[in-house]
Amino acid sequence: MFSPDESLVLAESPTLALSPDGTRLVYAGRGPQGRRLYVRELDRFGATPIPGTEGGIGPFFSPDGQWVGFWADRKLKKVSLAGGQPLTICDAPAFRGASWGEDGTILFSPAGQAALFRVSDRGGEAKAATKLDPRKGELTHRWPRFLPGGKAAIFTIHGLTGNYDNARIGVLLLETGETRTLLEGGTDARYVPTGHLVYLRSGSLFAAPFDPERLAVTGPPVPVLDGLSSSGSPAGFALYDFSPAGSLVYLPLDPKEAEAELVWVDRKGVATPFTDVRRAYGNLRLSPDGQRLAVSAGYPNSDIWIVDLARGSWDRLISGGINWDPVWSSDGARIAFASNRSGTINIFWIPVDRSSPAEQLTQAATWPMPLVSSPDGRTLIIGESPQATSTDISVLSLTGDRELRPLLRTPANEEAARLSPDGGWIAYQSDESGRFEVYVMAYPGPGGRSQVSIDGGSAPVWSHDGRELFYRGSGNLMAVGVETRPKFRAGLPKPLFKLTNLGDYDVAPDGQRFVMVRSRGEEAAPRSLAVVLGWFDDLRRRVPPGKK
């Protein structure tokens, strides 16, 4: 479906949409002109880039099919397919779905942990349309879709389990703000004119008979399509769409789409695989002595493994459910990690020798993530989202009553904190300037902060001697010399090598090489979509619509 030099972008939000009449497809693609939105007539070969949509994701059509809404640069935008530059609708720190109503209302989710908001398609102030209910464990309302008539919308309700098979499909009455649950166990629901709700569960599409007038499910759900790709993302959506005319377009699941390898990379960018085991690797962290590697692997469920780098042995430390973000204690005796093993996402730790079972460290309902242990072993720096619309950095005491106190809490996103080897400085990324940059401030404070990166930066890591900071910036792994005494001072950042296909990383004790996750990159980039004509007829046969 795509030309040889184009591919579909996989992101944290849906990247394709069919026009209401089913004749045009808009998708986020990567081609000769970079990453942007493209439009293609389904009865023709070739796609046309849409001007001004660089970096855009989450396309959604206006009811008349003449405009496309999308998210880019922390803003909700729209662009006319007849031409012209995009127009900004409102601010949106992140994006978890949107739907354009017949009356010009746009319903959207502005963050990973947020309720639904509504805004006019002409722009203006966005106002809350739903309210999260902490008593029911609700963390996010996302993937809204207007129902016929525009007076109600369906959406996904999720908590802290990390598994969208446990999410709920809800319905919102726009006039009163009332919400209620329609279905348990599923996500990313759409209404089909055949009289069905179609939604994602366990990599398959399910359909249930639905009465849009009574807003009621009238029969049991039935699986109708297997093998949908969810783009390797835990955000709870599948890449599919359909038109009222009955055409279905979707991205089939590629079992190898999340496959990656672990490599050593020297300062010149020369990569050497150190294992032939390919998995869906995620977060990784070297032990303090550099002799062992903790890494999460698997999708959608993930385990945590300990790799003895000298012996080449693999030991599965944690399994069952979703487990990620392993962090070593300063003495290398324990691993802290995030997990849904208690039902909701929390932080646990466990001795590497398994001399005692995993112990839960947090009770916070804010999606906590371990970031780094202090050199004295008394505290754990964690990321969390107590403000729902942004991520912050907090400090968890590992002694006494396990007190959790905020360290950096602003309207911006502060993430990826790392402590200097002496524990006196903390490096982190923040997007308060409109893009992520790397900053350093004294720990635990007080004092000001210094910006280390110059042209964007993320994922800082200290060298073991504390004299260098590494970070991801401008498509490169960057290195910058630093001084921490008598005060902090950063030199000029210099690129070490391109990060093509290279993801999460850590630095070896000698500072001369890095352990990194290398993905299949363009080799695995989707280059074709499946199109099913007459899908509505098949749906009616397999799942007869319920009686009103």
Protein backbone atom coordinates (compact mmCIF):
# COMPACT_ATOMS: atom_id res chain seq x y z
CA MET A 1 0.00 0.00 0.00
CA PHE A 2 2.90 2.34 0.72
CA SER A 3 5.58 3.18 -1.80
CA PRO A 4 9.03 1.60 -1.29
CA ASP A 5 10.37 4.74 0.40
CA GLU A 6 7.39 5.26 2.73
CA SER A 7 6.19 3.53 5.91
CA LEU A 8 3.50 3.93 8.54
CA VAL A 9 4.58 5.60 11.78
CA LEU A 10 3.95 3.65 14.98
CA ALA A 11 3.31 5.95 17.93
CA GLU A 12 1.51 6.31 21.24
CA SER A 13 -1.67 7.29 19.42
CA PRO A 14 -3.53 5.99 16.35
CA THR A 15 -1.85 6.95 13.09
CA LEU A 16 -4.54 6.34 10.48
CA ALA A 17 -8.11 7.45 9.73
CA LEU A 18 -10.61 6.79 6.93
CA SER A 19 -12.72 9.65 5.58
CA PRO A 20 -16.48 9.45 6.29
CA ASP A 21 -17.18 8.50 2.66
CA GLY A 22 -14.46 5.85 2.70
CA THR A 23 -12.57 7.26 -0.30
CA ARG A 24 -9.52 8.74 1.42
CA LEU A 25 -7.04 7.55 3.99
CA VAL A 26 -5.00 9.93 6.13
CA TYR A 27 -2.04 8.45 7.98
CA ALA A 28 1.09 9.47 9.83
CA GLY A 29 3.93 8.32 7.62
CA ARG A 30 7.65 8.55 7.21
CA GLY A 31 8.88 9.24 3.70
CA PRO A 32 11.37 11.31 1.65
CA GLN A 33 10.01 14.51 3.22
CA GLY A 34 10.27 13.17 6.77
CA ARG A 35 7.53 12.32 9.24
CA ARG A 36 4.19 13.99 8.64
CA LEU A 37 0.59 13.31 7.70
CA TYR A 38 -0.20 11.97 4.24
CA VAL A 39 -3.48 11.65 2.35
CA ARG A 40 -4.20 8.97 -0.21
CA GLU A 41 -7.18 8.30 -2.46
CA LEU A 42 -7.93 4.61 -1.98
CA ASP A 43 -8.56 4.05 -5.68
CA ARG A 44 -5.17 5.50 -6.67
CA PHE A 45 -1.52 4.74 -6.09
CA GLY A 46 0.65 7.16 -4.20
CA ALA A 47 0.04 9.55 -1.31
CA THR A 48 0.38 13.30 -0.94
CA PRO A 49 2.06 14.90 2.11
CA ILE A 50 -0.15 17.42 3.91
CA PRO A 51 1.75 20.71 4.35
CA GLY A 52 2.42 21.86 7.89
CA THR A 53 1.74 18.51 9.57
CA GLU A 54 5.32 17.59 10.43
CA GLY A 55 5.39 15.33 13.49
CA GLY A 56 1.61 14.97 13.48
CA ILE A 57 -0.19 11.90 14.87
CA GLY A 58 -3.74 10.90 15.75
CA PRO A 59 -5.55 12.05 12.59
CA PHE A 60 -9.37 12.31 12.77
CA PHE A 61 -11.84 13.64 10.20
CA SER A 62 -14.45 16.37 10.44
CA PRO A 63 -18.01 15.07 9.80
CA ASP A 64 -17.97 16.44 6.23
CA GLY A 65 -14.55 14.92 5.49
CA GLN A 66 -13.05 18.26 4.43
CA TRP A 67 -10.82 18.79 7.48
CA VAL A 68 -8.44 16.60 9.42
CA GLY A 69 -7.71 17.14 13.08
CA PHE A 70 -4.42 15.94 14.55
CA TRP A 71 -1.94 16.43 17.39
CA ALA A 72 1.52 17.98 17.08
CA ASP A 73 3.78 20.28 19.12
CA ARG A 74 1.66 19.76 22.28
CA LYS A 75 -1.37 21.24 20.50
CA LEU A 76 -4.58 20.03 18.95
CA LYS A 77 -4.70 21.27 15.34
CA LYS A 78 -6.78 21.04 12.18
CA VAL A 79 -5.92 21.33 8.50
CA SER A 80 -8.09 21.65 5.40
CA LEU A 81 -7.58 18.99 2.74
CA ALA A 82 -8.32 21.70 0.18
CA GLY A 83 -5.03 23.40 1.12
CA GLY A 84 -3.59 25.91 3.53
CA GLN A 85 -1.59 25.73 6.72
CA PRO A 86 -2.88 24.02 9.89
CA LEU A 87 -4.79 26.02 12.51
CA THR A 88 -4.35 25.55 16.24
CA ILE A 89 -7.48 24.57 18.16
CA CYS A 90 -6.13 24.41 21.72
CA ASP A 91 -3.23 23.28 23.89
CA ALA A 92 -2.91 19.57 24.67
CA PRO A 93 0.13 18.34 26.65
CA ALA A 94 -0.28 14.87 25.13
CA PHE A 95 -2.93 13.06 23.10
CA ARG A 96 -5.08 10.02 23.70
CA GLY A 97 -7.71 10.28 21.02
CA ALA A 98 -10.27 12.74 19.61
CA SER A 99 -13.62 12.74 17.82
CA TRP A 100 -15.28 15.52 15.81
CA GLY A 101 -19.01 15.96 16.37
CA GLU A 102 -21.64 17.16 13.90
CA ASP A 103 -22.20 20.38 15.90
CA GLY A 104 -18.51 21.36 15.73
CA THR A 105 -17.59 20.01 19.16
CA ILE A 106 -14.33 18.10 19.44
CA LEU A 107 -14.09 15.61 22.28
CA PHE A 108 -10.52 14.65 23.19
CA SER A 109 -8.16 13.41 25.88
CA PRO A 110 -5.21 15.79 26.47
CA ALA A 111 -2.86 13.53 28.44
CA GLY A 112 -1.99 9.98 29.39
CA GLN A 113 -3.77 10.42 32.71
CA ALA A 114 -6.71 12.74 32.18
CA ALA A 115 -10.46 12.94 31.75
CA LEU A 116 -12.12 13.86 28.45
CA PHE A 117 -12.32 17.51 27.40
CA ARG A 118 -14.48 19.30 24.84
CA VAL A 119 -13.60 22.28 22.66
CA SER A 120 -15.09 24.05 19.66
CA ASP A 121 -13.53 23.22 16.29
CA ARG A 122 -13.08 27.01 15.90
CA GLY A 123 -10.75 26.97 18.90
CA GLY A 124 -11.01 28.43 22.36
CA GLU A 125 -10.89 27.15 25.91
CA ALA A 126 -11.18 23.42 26.43
CA LYS A 127 -13.52 22.38 29.24
CA ALA A 128 -13.76 19.10 31.11
CA ALA A 129 -16.44 16.76 29.77
CA THR A 130 -15.91 13.86 32.19
CA LYS A 131 -14.52 13.44 35.70
CA LEU A 132 -12.23 10.65 36.82
CA ASP A 133 -13.53 8.62 39.76
CA PRO A 134 -10.59 7.60 41.98
CA ARG A 135 -12.90 5.43 44.09
CA LYS A 136 -13.30 3.18 41.06
CA GLY A 137 -9.59 3.24 40.30
CA GLU A 138 -10.00 5.44 37.21
CA LEU A 139 -6.80 6.93 35.89
CA THR A 140 -7.68 7.80 32.31
CA HIS A 141 -10.59 8.44 29.97
CA ARG A 142 -9.43 8.10 26.36
CA TRP A 143 -10.25 7.14 22.75
CA PRO A 144 -13.62 8.96 22.55
CA ARG A 145 -16.03 8.44 19.64
CA PHE A 146 -19.26 10.34 19.05
CA LEU A 147 -22.37 8.24 18.57
CA PRO A 148 -24.93 9.10 15.85
CA GLY A 149 -26.69 12.36 16.62
CA GLY A 150 -23.77 13.75 18.64
CA LYS A 151 -25.56 13.68 22.00
CA ALA A 152 -23.49 10.81 23.41
CA ALA A 153 -20.03 9.37 22.99
CA ILE A 154 -18.30 6.11 23.86
CA PHE A 155 -14.83 6.04 25.38
CA THR A 156 -12.32 3.87 27.23
CA ILE A 157 -12.09 3.91 31.05
CA HIS A 158 -8.90 2.54 32.53
CA GLY A 159 -7.15 2.39 35.89
CA LEU A 160 -3.68 1.33 36.93
CA THR A 161 -3.57 -2.32 35.92
CA GLY A 162 -1.42 -1.69 32.84
CA ASN A 163 -3.60 -4.16 30.91
CA TYR A 164 -6.33 -2.79 28.66
CA ASP A 165 -8.05 -6.16 28.57
CA ASN A 166 -9.25 -5.04 32.01
CA ALA A 167 -10.44 -1.63 30.80
CA ARG A 168 -14.10 -0.67 30.40
CA ILE A 169 -16.10 0.81 27.57
CA GLY A 170 -18.14 3.73 28.86
CA VAL A 171 -20.74 6.08 27.43
CA LEU A 172 -20.96 9.84 28.06
CA LEU A 173 -24.17 11.89 27.79
CA LEU A 174 -22.90 15.26 26.57
CA GLU A 175 -25.83 17.30 27.87
CA THR A 176 -25.67 16.14 31.49
CA GLY A 177 -22.12 14.83 31.81
CA GLU A 178 -23.46 11.50 33.06
CA THR A 179 -21.27 8.47 32.37
CA ARG A 180 -21.87 4.75 32.76
CA THR A 181 -20.23 1.50 31.78
CA LEU A 182 -21.41 -0.41 28.72
CA LEU A 183 -18.89 -3.26 28.57
CA GLU A 184 -16.27 -4.75 30.89
CA GLY A 185 -12.97 -5.86 29.40
CA GLY A 186 -11.90 -3.99 26.29
CA THR A 187 -10.75 -0.72 24.77
CA ASP A 188 -10.86 1.55 21.69
CA ALA A 189 -14.53 1.04 20.86
CA ARG A 190 -16.30 2.30 17.72
CA TYR A 191 -19.98 2.29 16.77
CA VAL A 192 -20.72 0.53 13.48
CA PRO A 193 -23.87 1.52 11.53
CA THR A 194 -24.86 -2.16 11.43
CA GLY A 195 -25.92 -1.76 15.08
CA HIS A 196 -22.75 -2.99 16.79
CA LEU A 197 -20.05 -1.80 19.13
CA VAL A 198 -16.66 -3.01 17.92
CA TYR A 199 -13.70 -2.91 20.30
CA LEU A 200 -10.23 -4.34 20.96
CA ARG A 201 -9.45 -7.13 23.39
CA SER A 202 -6.40 -9.43 23.45
CA GLY A 203 -5.32 -8.45 19.95
CA SER A 204 -8.73 -9.21 18.41
CA LEU A 205 -11.74 -7.15 17.43
CA PHE A 206 -14.95 -8.07 19.25
CA ALA A 207 -18.44 -6.99 18.24
CA ALA A 208 -21.52 -6.70 20.46
CA PRO A 209 -25.07 -5.78 19.32
CA PHE A 210 -25.84 -2.23 20.44
CA ASP A 211 -28.92 0.00 20.46
CA PRO A 212 -27.75 3.63 19.96
CA GLU A 213 -31.13 5.03 21.03
CA ARG A 214 -31.27 3.23 24.37
CA LEU A 215 -27.46 3.30 24.67
CA ALA A 216 -27.53 -0.34 25.62
CA VAL A 217 -25.62 -3.48 24.64
CA THR A 218 -28.26 -6.00 23.58
CA GLY A 219 -26.26 -9.20 23.17
CA PRO A 220 -22.99 -10.95 24.06
CA PRO A 221 -19.73 -9.90 22.34
CA VAL A 222 -18.25 -12.16 19.67
CA PRO A 223 -14.70 -12.10 18.22
CA VAL A 224 -14.85 -10.98 14.57
CA LEU A 225 -11.24 -10.30 13.54
CA ASP A 226 -7.98 -11.66 14.92
CA GLY A 227 -4.41 -10.45 14.61
CA LEU A 228 -4.61 -6.66 14.87
CA SER A 229 -1.49 -4.66 15.57
CA SER A 230 -1.51 -2.34 18.55
CA SER A 231 1.86 -0.93 17.39
CA GLY A 232 3.77 -2.31 20.35
CA SER A 233 2.28 0.40 22.54
CA PRO A 234 0.61 -0.05 25.94
CA ALA A 235 -1.74 2.88 25.27
CA GLY A 236 -4.78 0.70 24.58
CA PHE A 237 -5.64 1.19 20.91
CA ALA A 238 -5.49 -0.76 17.66
CA LEU A 239 -4.70 0.55 14.21
CA TYR A 240 -8.03 0.16 12.43
CA ASP A 241 -10.84 2.27 11.02
CA PHE A 242 -13.88 1.86 8.81
CA SER A 243 -16.22 3.99 6.75
CA PRO A 244 -20.04 4.10 6.83
CA ALA A 245 -19.92 2.51 3.39
CA GLY A 246 -18.59 -0.69 4.96
CA SER A 247 -14.86 -0.69 4.18
CA LEU A 248 -12.47 -1.77 6.93
CA VAL A 249 -8.78 -0.88 6.96
CA TYR A 250 -6.38 -2.20 9.58
CA LEU A 251 -2.74 -2.99 10.28
CA PRO A 252 -2.25 -6.77 10.65
CA LEU A 253 -0.15 -7.96 13.55
CA ASP A 254 3.46 -8.76 12.74
CA PRO A 255 4.72 -11.11 15.48
CA LYS A 256 8.20 -9.65 15.02
CA GLU A 257 7.19 -5.98 15.09
CA ALA A 258 8.52 -5.44 18.63
CA GLU A 259 11.57 -7.70 18.24
CA ALA A 260 14.91 -6.16 19.20
CA GLU A 261 18.46 -7.11 20.15
CA LEU A 262 20.97 -6.05 22.80
CA VAL A 263 24.25 -4.55 21.61
CA TRP A 264 27.40 -2.93 22.88
CA VAL A 265 28.15 0.36 21.10
CA ASP A 266 31.51 2.13 21.34
CA ARG A 267 31.97 5.89 21.30
CA LYS A 268 32.28 5.85 17.50
CA GLY A 269 28.93 4.14 17.08
CA VAL A 270 30.22 0.67 16.20
CA ALA A 271 27.64 -1.83 17.47
CA THR A 272 28.39 -5.41 18.50
CA PRO A 273 25.56 -7.79 19.51
CA PHE A 274 26.37 -9.68 22.70
CA THR A 275 23.49 -12.16 22.52
CA ASP A 276 21.53 -13.82 19.74
CA VAL A 277 18.37 -13.77 21.87
CA ARG A 278 15.82 -11.47 20.23
CA ARG A 279 12.89 -10.25 22.31
CA ALA A 280 10.73 -7.17 22.78
CA TYR A 281 13.33 -5.50 25.00
CA GLY A 282 12.43 -2.38 26.90
CA ASN A 283 14.16 -0.76 29.85
CA LEU A 284 17.68 -1.81 30.80
CA ARG A 285 20.15 -0.92 33.52
CA LEU A 286 23.70 -2.07 34.27
CA SER A 287 24.57 -3.11 37.82
CA PRO A 288 26.81 -0.68 39.77
CA ASP A 289 29.89 -2.84 39.00
CA GLY A 290 28.91 -3.23 35.34
CA GLN A 291 28.99 -7.04 35.52
CA ARG A 292 25.25 -7.69 35.22
CA LEU A 293 22.40 -6.27 33.19
CA ALA A 294 18.77 -5.96 34.29
CA VAL A 295 16.38 -5.74 31.35
CA SER A 296 12.63 -6.03 30.76
CA ALA A 297 11.48 -8.17 27.85
CA GLY A 298 8.17 -9.21 26.33
CA TYR A 299 4.94 -7.67 25.03
CA PRO A 300 2.18 -7.19 26.09
CA ASN A 301 3.29 -8.91 29.30
CA SER A 302 6.91 -8.44 30.25
CA ASP A 303 9.42 -10.16 32.52
CA ILE A 304 12.60 -8.85 34.12
CA TRP A 305 15.81 -10.75 33.41
CA ILE A 306 19.28 -10.56 34.95
CA VAL A 307 22.08 -11.17 32.45
CA ASP A 308 25.54 -12.16 33.69
CA LEU A 309 27.64 -10.43 31.04
CA ALA A 310 30.79 -12.48 31.64
CA ARG A 311 29.07 -15.89 31.62
CA GLY A 312 26.31 -15.03 29.17
CA SER A 313 23.67 -16.56 31.45
CA TRP A 314 20.06 -15.35 31.68
CA ASP A 315 18.08 -15.51 34.91
CA ARG A 316 14.39 -14.56 34.89
CA LEU A 317 13.98 -12.60 38.10
CA ILE A 318 10.35 -11.46 37.76
CA SER A 319 7.55 -12.93 35.65
CA GLY A 320 3.77 -12.78 35.39
CA GLY A 321 1.93 -9.67 34.26
CA ILE A 322 3.61 -6.42 33.29
CA ASN A 323 7.00 -5.71 34.90
CA TRP A 324 9.40 -3.01 33.75
CA ASP A 325 11.80 -0.19 34.72
CA PRO A 326 14.33 -2.29 36.70
CA VAL A 327 16.60 -0.18 38.94
CA TRP A 328 19.56 -1.53 40.93
CA SER A 329 20.16 -0.64 44.55
CA SER A 330 23.49 1.08 45.12
CA ASP A 331 25.05 -2.14 46.47
CA GLY A 332 23.72 -4.27 43.60
CA ALA A 333 21.79 -6.53 45.99
CA ARG A 334 18.23 -5.54 45.04
CA ILE A 335 16.16 -4.59 42.01
CA ALA A 336 13.29 -2.11 42.25
CA PHE A 337 10.71 -2.32 39.47
CA ALA A 338 7.23 -1.25 38.42
CA SER A 339 4.60 -3.96 38.16
CA ASN A 340 0.88 -4.66 38.03
CA ARG A 341 1.31 -7.82 40.13
CA SER A 342 -0.93 -6.33 42.86
CA GLY A 343 -3.65 -5.41 40.35
CA THR A 344 -2.63 -1.79 39.97
CA ILE A 345 0.75 -0.37 38.95
CA ASN A 346 3.07 0.05 41.92
CA ILE A 347 6.77 -0.12 42.73
CA PHE A 348 8.26 -3.27 44.27
CA TRP A 349 11.73 -4.45 45.11
CA ILE A 350 13.28 -7.89 45.44
CA PRO A 351 16.69 -9.29 46.41
CA VAL A 352 18.54 -10.44 43.30
CA ASP A 353 19.31 -13.74 45.07
CA ARG A 354 15.57 -14.20 45.85
CA SER A 355 16.27 -14.64 49.55
CA SER A 356 12.88 -13.01 50.20
CA PRO A 357 9.81 -12.35 48.03
CA ALA A 358 9.09 -9.11 46.22
CA GLU A 359 7.92 -6.35 48.56
CA GLN A 360 5.54 -3.55 47.57
CA LEU A 361 6.99 -0.09 48.20
CA THR A 362 4.22 2.28 47.06
CA GLN A 363 0.47 2.58 47.41
CA ALA A 364 0.14 5.68 45.22
CA ALA A 365 -2.47 5.66 42.45
CA THR A 366 -0.33 7.80 40.18
CA TRP A 367 1.48 5.30 37.92
CA PRO A 368 4.81 5.37 39.84
CA MET A 369 8.05 4.39 38.07
CA PRO A 370 11.44 3.80 39.75
CA LEU A 371 14.20 5.95 38.28
CA VAL A 372 17.35 5.66 40.39
CA SER A 373 18.50 4.63 43.87
CA SER A 374 20.52 7.04 45.99
CA PRO A 375 24.20 6.11 46.63
CA ASP A 376 23.49 5.68 50.37
CA GLY A 377 20.60 3.30 49.61
CA ARG A 378 18.16 5.23 51.79
CA THR A 379 15.93 6.70 49.06
CA LEU A 380 14.54 5.87 45.66
CA ILE A 381 13.89 8.59 43.08
CA ILE A 382 10.65 7.85 41.26
CA GLY A 383 8.48 9.33 38.53
CA GLU A 384 4.74 9.71 39.09
CA SER A 385 1.73 11.65 37.84
CA PRO A 386 -0.16 13.13 40.81
CA GLN A 387 -1.38 16.02 38.62
CA ALA A 388 -2.81 13.64 36.00
CA THR A 389 -1.79 15.86 33.06
CA SER A 390 1.97 15.84 33.70
CA THR A 391 4.74 13.66 35.10
CA ASP A 392 6.76 14.71 38.13
CA ILE A 393 9.73 13.50 40.16
CA SER A 394 9.37 12.41 43.79
CA VAL A 395 11.55 10.87 46.49
CA LEU A 396 10.53 7.65 48.27
CA SER A 397 12.14 6.88 51.61
CA LEU A 398 13.25 3.25 51.87
CA THR A 399 13.45 3.44 55.67
CA GLY A 400 10.82 4.02 58.32
CA ASP A 401 7.31 4.74 57.07
CA ARG A 402 8.21 4.87 53.35
CA GLU A 403 7.37 8.56 53.07
CA LEU A 404 6.82 9.87 49.55
CA ARG A 405 7.62 13.54 49.01
CA PRO A 406 7.66 15.68 45.85
CA LEU A 407 10.99 16.87 44.45
CA LEU A 408 9.98 18.46 41.13
CA ARG A 409 6.30 19.23 40.63
CA THR A 410 5.37 21.73 37.92
CA PRO A 411 2.80 21.93 35.09
CA ALA A 412 5.53 20.61 32.75
CA ASN A 413 6.70 17.01 32.42
CA GLU A 414 9.81 16.19 34.46
CA GLU A 415 11.14 12.72 33.73
CA ALA A 416 14.11 10.35 33.46
CA ALA A 417 15.99 11.52 36.57
CA ARG A 418 19.49 10.20 37.31
CA LEU A 419 21.67 11.00 40.34
CA SER A 420 25.36 11.80 40.02
CA PRO A 421 27.73 9.15 41.42
CA ASP A 422 28.33 11.21 44.57
CA GLY A 423 24.59 11.79 45.03
CA GLY A 424 24.93 15.56 45.06
CA TRP A 425 23.31 16.37 41.71
CA ILE A 426 20.29 15.20 39.78
CA ALA A 427 19.96 15.28 36.00
CA TYR A 428 16.51 15.09 34.40
CA GLN A 429 14.52 16.08 31.33
CA SER A 430 11.74 18.68 31.27
CA ASP A 431 9.55 20.05 28.50
CA GLU A 432 8.70 23.35 30.14
CA SER A 433 10.28 25.19 27.18
CA GLY A 434 7.97 23.40 24.74
CA ARG A 435 10.40 20.56 24.03
CA PHE A 436 12.45 18.27 26.23
CA GLU A 437 15.80 19.60 27.43
CA VAL A 438 18.24 18.14 29.96
CA TYR A 439 18.76 20.02 33.23
CA VAL A 440 20.88 19.50 36.34
CA MET A 441 20.20 20.79 39.84
CA ALA A 442 21.65 20.20 43.30
CA TYR A 443 20.18 17.24 45.16
CA PRO A 444 18.30 17.33 47.42
CA GLY A 445 18.51 21.09 47.05
CA PRO A 446 18.07 23.95 47.54
CA GLY A 447 19.51 25.84 44.60
CA GLY A 448 18.95 26.72 40.98
CA ARG A 449 19.26 24.51 37.96
CA SER A 450 21.45 24.51 34.85
CA GLN A 451 20.42 23.58 31.32
CA VAL A 452 22.84 21.05 29.84
CA SER A 453 21.39 20.34 26.40
CA ILE A 454 21.23 23.05 23.75
CA ASP A 455 18.98 21.85 20.93
CA GLY A 456 16.67 19.43 22.71
CA GLY A 457 17.64 16.51 24.91
CA SER A 458 16.32 13.54 26.87
CA ALA A 459 17.35 10.44 28.84
CA PRO A 460 20.45 11.76 30.67
CA VAL A 461 22.97 9.27 32.10
CA TRP A 462 26.06 10.11 34.19
CA SER A 463 29.46 8.56 33.58
CA HIS A 464 30.67 6.55 36.57
CA ASP A 465 33.33 9.15 37.42
CA GLY A 466 30.76 11.97 37.29
CA ARG A 467 32.76 13.96 34.74
CA GLU A 468 30.46 13.43 31.76
CA LEU A 469 26.75 13.46 31.03
CA PHE A 470 25.30 11.57 28.10
CA TYR A 471 21.87 12.19 26.61
CA ARG A 472 19.78 11.70 23.50
CA GLY A 473 19.61 14.82 21.34
CA SER A 474 19.07 15.74 17.68
CA GLY A 475 19.15 12.09 16.61
CA ASN A 476 22.53 11.52 18.27
CA LEU A 477 23.92 10.26 21.53
CA MET A 478 25.47 13.39 22.97
CA ALA A 479 28.32 13.74 25.48
CA VAL A 480 29.10 16.82 27.54
CA GLY A 481 31.92 17.32 30.03
CA VAL A 482 30.79 18.55 33.46
CA GLU A 483 32.28 19.83 36.70
CA THR A 484 30.42 19.44 39.99
CA ARG A 485 32.83 21.15 42.40
CA PRO A 486 32.74 23.81 43.70
CA LYS A 487 29.61 24.31 41.60
CA PHE A 488 28.05 22.67 38.59
CA ARG A 489 29.35 23.67 35.19
CA ALA A 490 28.64 22.05 31.80
CA GLY A 491 30.79 22.21 28.70
CA LEU A 492 29.70 22.18 25.07
CA PRO A 493 27.69 19.09 24.07
CA LYS A 494 29.25 16.99 21.32
CA PRO A 495 27.61 14.24 19.25
CA LEU A 496 29.13 10.78 19.61
CA PHE A 497 27.09 8.81 17.05
CA LYS A 498 23.72 8.56 15.34
CA LEU A 499 20.94 6.77 17.22
CA THR A 500 19.40 5.08 14.20
CA ASN A 501 17.35 2.12 15.53
CA LEU A 502 19.00 2.51 18.96
CA GLY A 503 16.74 2.93 21.99
CA ASP A 504 17.19 2.65 25.75
CA TYR A 505 20.80 2.66 26.94
CA ASP A 506 23.22 2.66 29.86
CA VAL A 507 26.93 3.43 30.08
CA ALA A 508 29.67 0.98 31.11
CA PRO A 509 31.89 1.86 34.11
CA ASP A 510 34.82 2.81 31.84
CA GLY A 511 32.66 5.29 29.89
CA GLN A 512 33.93 3.88 26.58
CA ARG A 513 30.92 1.84 25.52
CA PHE A 514 27.18 1.66 25.98
CA VAL A 515 24.69 -1.18 26.24
CA MET A 516 21.69 -0.40 24.06
CA VAL A 517 18.47 -1.82 22.66
CA ARG A 518 18.60 -2.00 18.86
CA SER A 519 15.24 -2.36 17.13
CA ARG A 520 14.56 -3.70 13.66
CA GLY A 521 13.86 -0.10 12.63
CA GLU A 522 12.90 0.43 9.00
CA GLU A 523 13.12 -3.31 8.46
CA ALA A 524 10.03 -3.68 10.67
CA ALA A 525 8.25 -0.48 9.65
CA PRO A 526 4.75 -1.30 8.37
CA ARG A 527 4.52 -0.91 4.59
CA SER A 528 1.08 -2.32 3.92
CA LEU A 529 -2.43 -2.21 5.39
CA ALA A 530 -5.23 -4.71 4.98
CA VAL A 531 -8.44 -3.42 3.35
CA VAL A 532 -11.69 -5.40 3.65
CA LEU A 533 -14.56 -4.43 1.35
CA GLY A 534 -18.11 -5.38 2.30
CA TRP A 535 -17.07 -5.93 5.91
CA PHE A 536 -20.48 -4.85 7.24
CA ASP A 537 -22.19 -7.77 5.48
CA ASP A 538 -19.81 -10.22 7.11
CA LEU A 539 -20.32 -8.53 10.49
CA ARG A 540 -24.12 -8.90 10.24
CA ARG A 541 -23.78 -12.58 9.41
CA ARG A 542 -21.45 -13.33 12.27
CA VAL A 543 -23.14 -11.15 14.91
CA PRO A 544 -26.84 -10.57 14.18
CA PRO A 545 -27.90 -7.11 15.40
CA GLY A 546 -30.05 -7.19 18.52
CA LYS A 547 -33.70 -6.24 18.59
CA LYS A 548 -34.57 -2.73 19.71
